[in-house]
Amino acid sequence: ASNKTSLDFSAYILEALREKLESDGALEN
């Protein structure tokens, strides 16, 4: 596995979590 793949995976997870928090109303933006 390359570093780029690892970074892309982490970015995907963080983005998914951020969207979940927004949909749950945890963020007020």
PDB file of N, CA and C in Angstrom:
ATOM      1  N   ALA A   1       0.846  -1.202   0.000  1.00  0.00           N
ATOM      2  CA  ALA A   1       0.000   0.000   0.000  1.00  0.00           C
ATOM      3  C   ALA A   1       0.874   1.241   0.000  1.00  0.00           C
ATOM      4  N   SER A   2       0.515   2.204  -0.811  1.00  0.00           N
ATOM      5  CA  SER A   2       1.293   3.438  -0.890  1.00  0.00           C
ATOM      6  C   SER A   2       0.775   4.447   0.125  1.00  0.00           C
ATOM      7  N   ASN A   3       1.597   5.439   0.399  1.00  0.00           N
ATOM      8  CA  ASN A   3       1.164   6.491   1.320  1.00  0.00           C
ATOM      9  C   ASN A   3      -0.045   7.237   0.764  1.00  0.00           C
ATOM     10  N   LYS A   4      -0.066   7.423  -0.559  1.00  0.00           N
ATOM     11  CA  LYS A   4      -1.196   8.137  -1.158  1.00  0.00           C
ATOM     12  C   LYS A   4      -2.499   7.382  -0.906  1.00  0.00           C
ATOM     13  N   THR A   5      -2.461   6.067  -1.051  1.00  0.00           N
ATOM     14  CA  THR A   5      -3.665   5.279  -0.809  1.00  0.00           C
ATOM     15  C   THR A   5      -4.111   5.438   0.635  1.00  0.00           C
ATOM     16  N   SER A   6      -3.160   5.383   1.547  1.00  0.00           N
ATOM     17  CA  SER A   6      -3.487   5.509   2.963  1.00  0.00           C
ATOM     18  C   SER A   6      -4.093   6.879   3.259  1.00  0.00           C
ATOM     19  N   LEU A   7      -3.503   7.921   2.671  1.00  0.00           N
ATOM     20  CA  LEU A   7      -4.021   9.268   2.890  1.00  0.00           C
ATOM     21  C   LEU A   7      -5.415   9.418   2.284  1.00  0.00           C
ATOM     22  N   ASP A   8      -5.619   8.886   1.094  1.00  0.00           N
ATOM     23  CA  ASP A   8      -6.935   8.978   0.454  1.00  0.00           C
ATOM     24  C   ASP A   8      -7.986   8.272   1.307  1.00  0.00           C
ATOM     25  N   PHE A   9      -7.625   7.128   1.885  1.00  0.00           N
ATOM     26  CA  PHE A   9      -8.569   6.386   2.715  1.00  0.00           C
ATOM     27  C   PHE A   9      -8.915   7.191   3.958  1.00  0.00           C
ATOM     28  N   SER A  10      -7.900   7.782   4.596  1.00  0.00           N
ATOM     29  CA  SER A  10      -8.137   8.588   5.792  1.00  0.00           C
ATOM     30  C   SER A  10      -9.026   9.782   5.461  1.00  0.00           C
ATOM     31  N   ALA A  11      -8.758  10.430   4.336  1.00  0.00           N
ATOM     32  CA  ALA A  11      -9.552  11.587   3.935  1.00  0.00           C
ATOM     33  C   ALA A  11     -11.001  11.169   3.690  1.00  0.00           C
ATOM     34  N   TYR A  12     -11.202  10.000   3.102  1.00  0.00           N
ATOM     35  CA  TYR A  12     -12.552   9.503   2.844  1.00  0.00           C
ATOM     36  C   TYR A  12     -13.298   9.283   4.152  1.00  0.00           C
ATOM     37  N   ILE A  13     -12.622   8.664   5.118  1.00  0.00           N
ATOM     38  CA  ILE A  13     -13.246   8.399   6.415  1.00  0.00           C
ATOM     39  C   ILE A  13     -13.590   9.707   7.124  1.00  0.00           C
ATOM     40  N   LEU A  14     -12.646  10.653   7.135  1.00  0.00           N
ATOM     41  CA  LEU A  14     -12.897  11.931   7.806  1.00  0.00           C
ATOM     42  C   LEU A  14     -14.055  12.672   7.149  1.00  0.00           C
ATOM     43  N   GLU A  15     -14.127  12.652   5.837  1.00  0.00           N
ATOM     44  CA  GLU A  15     -15.215  13.322   5.128  1.00  0.00           C
ATOM     45  C   GLU A  15     -16.554  12.661   5.452  1.00  0.00           C
ATOM     46  N   ALA A  16     -16.571  11.336   5.490  1.00  0.00           N
ATOM     47  CA  ALA A  16     -17.806  10.616   5.803  1.00  0.00           C
ATOM     48  C   ALA A  16     -18.268  10.943   7.221  1.00  0.00           C
ATOM     49  N   LEU A  17     -17.328  10.983   8.154  1.00  0.00           N
ATOM     50  CA  LEU A  17     -17.685  11.309   9.538  1.00  0.00           C
ATOM     51  C   LEU A  17     -18.213  12.740   9.633  1.00  0.00           C
ATOM     52  N   ARG A  18     -17.566  13.668   8.918  1.00  0.00           N
ATOM     53  CA  ARG A  18     -18.010  15.063   8.960  1.00  0.00           C
ATOM     54  C   ARG A  18     -19.435  15.187   8.414  1.00  0.00           C
ATOM     55  N   GLU A  19     -19.719  14.481   7.325  1.00  0.00           N
ATOM     56  CA  GLU A  19     -21.057  14.541   6.747  1.00  0.00           C
ATOM     57  C   GLU A  19     -22.082  13.936   7.698  1.00  0.00           C
ATOM     58  N   LYS A  20     -21.700  12.857   8.402  1.00  0.00           N
ATOM     59  CA  LYS A  20     -22.626  12.241   9.353  1.00  0.00           C
ATOM     60  C   LYS A  20     -22.937  13.210  10.485  1.00  0.00           C
ATOM     61  N   LEU A  21     -21.906  13.879  10.994  1.00  0.00           N
ATOM     62  CA  LEU A  21     -22.127  14.839  12.076  1.00  0.00           C
ATOM     63  C   LEU A  21     -23.044  15.964  11.622  1.00  0.00           C
ATOM     64  N   GLU A  22     -22.845  16.436  10.406  1.00  0.00           N
ATOM     65  CA  GLU A  22     -23.693  17.504   9.887  1.00  0.00           C
ATOM     66  C   GLU A  22     -25.134  17.021   9.744  1.00  0.00           C
ATOM     67  N   SER A  23     -25.327  15.813   9.258  1.00  0.00           N
ATOM     68  CA  SER A  23     -26.680  15.290   9.074  1.00  0.00           C
ATOM     69  C   SER A  23     -27.344  15.040  10.421  1.00  0.00           C
ATOM     70  N   ASP A  24     -26.534  14.749  11.448  1.00  0.00           N
ATOM     71  CA  ASP A  24     -27.072  14.542  12.795  1.00  0.00           C
ATOM     72  C   ASP A  24     -27.343  15.870  13.499  1.00  0.00           C
ATOM     73  N   GLY A  25     -26.925  16.983  12.879  1.00  0.00           N
ATOM     74  CA  GLY A  25     -27.161  18.296  13.466  1.00  0.00           C
ATOM     75  C   GLY A  25     -26.142  18.665  14.523  1.00  0.00           C
ATOM     76  N   ALA A  26     -25.005  17.964  14.558  1.00  0.00           N
ATOM     77  CA  ALA A  26     -23.984  18.242  15.571  1.00  0.00           C
ATOM     78  C   ALA A  26     -23.188  19.489  15.221  1.00  0.00           C
ATOM     79  N   LEU A  27     -23.152  19.829  13.924  1.00  0.00           N
ATOM     80  CA  LEU A  27     -22.412  21.015  13.497  1.00  0.00           C
ATOM     81  C   LEU A  27     -23.389  22.081  13.022  1.00  0.00           C
ATOM     82  N   GLU A  28     -23.091  23.316  13.371  1.00  0.00           N
ATOM     83  CA  GLU A  28     -23.974  24.417  12.976  1.00  0.00           C
ATOM     84  C   GLU A  28     -23.248  25.310  11.988  1.00  0.00           C
ATOM     85  N   ASN A  29     -23.202  24.884  10.737  1.00  0.00           N
ATOM     86  CA  ASN A  29     -22.522  25.680   9.704  1.00  0.00           C
ATOM     87  C   ASN A  29     -23.499  26.037   8.590  1.00  0.00           C
TER      88      ASN A  29
END
